[in-house]
Amino acid sequence: MRSSTVFDILVPIRVIQSNIGCFRMLGYGVGHFYNDLCASMWFTYLMIFLERVMYFKASAAGFLMLVGQITDAISTPIVGMASDSSKLPVCLKRLGRRVSWHLIGTVCVTLSFPFIFNKGLLNSKINKLWQIGWYVPFIMLFQFGWASVQISHLALIPELSEDSSRRSSLGSLRYNFTVLANLFVFLGLSALLNRDDSGGGITAADSTHFSIASIGVVVIGLITSILFYATTKEPTDGRRLSRLNSASTSPELAKMSWTNWFSHLQFYKVSFLYMFSRLFINVSQVYFPFYITLTASFSKKYIAVLPMISCISSFLVASLVSAPRINRLLGNKILYLFGCLFGISNCAAMYFNQTMVSIICISILIGVAQTVVLVSVLAITADLINRNTESGAFVYGVMSFMDKLANGITYQLIELLNPHLYIGLRLPSESVSANCAVFYRCVMSFVPGACIGLAFLVLITLSRETVGARTCRVRTEPGEIHI
């Protein structure tokens, strides 16, 4: 393995605009809104829906989450390579390689997501194994579609602009819409749950609320996706070489095929940074509702209210860090360092008993930490790709593969260690043991804390490196210039 490689290839690449207007930036930002709506329900409510509404055992709920994450993990590099290859049906080629896969993913999500938070034909008399089998194909189709949208949308960032601060702004704008999507879900579900809140936890009686919320997600998601297709034009192909980076004075850079990335040590470092960042964010999101109702002993309406507070703080912070001036002043690594500090502080605070004031403060801190970590790691990833957009989707695919696989395995391990494995016995919420409350306290403190700590160690190894800098040599033809 080596940190830099010499290549000798002349290739056609896309013509990238150095600047992108505000209208097109907004159009890009809304392109992941549908995915974000679905992800908000998937990560925040799937486990509690399966355990408290469907009365699945914790191990079964963890298995379904694992199936989804493995499907997503396998799909992401495959979609990434397919997107980079530009092999598309004739009817989709006019849209471009990224937007086409975005459309394919949107169709898959629409056909599957409404069935995940819906009992459908299921009832209590059907064997639990058959009930689990009912969900598997819908979860797999949903995760393939979700991965297709995610990878194609991420891969558009380095294609739409070559300026590092502008790319960071696109990532921040994308996250702003993620926050708005979460806010929409939490507001809607809060209104539904508050209608019959008797001070208890989630039960089978709340099934209708989740079904209505999932249908609303699909309707709003389709509208925003149409807006994305109407406002986002993918850059066209041009016959020239990629350029080294946005700060380089040289106009040339050799091609990076998907196999070339594996010879760069920096590729592995950023991949692990991305994986640990996503683990920190997703584990916190998945188990926060359990922490709220079982550890902190708040009523079911707070599984929407407190995440909504996190969303508001996320939106405010994302608006701040999205400013190009902030990015140029601090840089993505310093921003990520601040995210680590906020994240570790939050994990430490969650270990202690909570009052209403303290849980609100924790919710705010979660939003701040998750925003800064995600925005900065996406910007670091875009810097790694630099102007080698010909294989950008593959890079995002590999990183997402590691992220999803690690998440799925982590959820399953947590559920296998869950002291309340036999939720399928339909025990009332009052009989939940003190061990279960302690369990979720430890999960929310130690698992995300370990992830952000490991991410910090990876960041240290990148501190003296220029992310995305690669030494290369281009074979010249008559009239061309060597780098």
Foldseek 3Di string as FASTA:
>chain_A
DDAFDADADFDWFFDEDADDDPLLLLLLLLQCLLLLLLVLCVLQPQQCCCCFQVVAFLLLSLVLLLLLLLLLLVLQLVLLQQLLVLDDPPVQSQQHSLLSLLVVLLVLLLVQQLVSLACVPDDPVDDVVVSSVVNNVSSSSNSNSSSSNVLSSLLQLCRHHQDLLLSLLSLLSNVLSSLVSSLVLLVQLLVLCVVDFPFAAGHNVCSVSSSVSRVVSSVVSVVSNVSSSVSHGGTDIDRGAFQQGPPDPDRHDHADDLVNLVNRPLLVLLLLLLQLLLQLLSLLSNLVQVLVCPQQNGTHSVSSVLLSLLSVLLNVLSVVCSDSVNCVVQNLLNLLVVLLVLSLVLLVLLLDHDDPVSSSVSSSSSSNSSNSSSSSSSSLLSLQCNRNSSSSSSSVSNSSSSNSNVNSVVSSVLSVVQPRRSSSVVDGPVPDDPVNNNSSSCSSRPRSNVSSVVSVVSSVVCVPPRRSRHDYWYNDDPPDDID
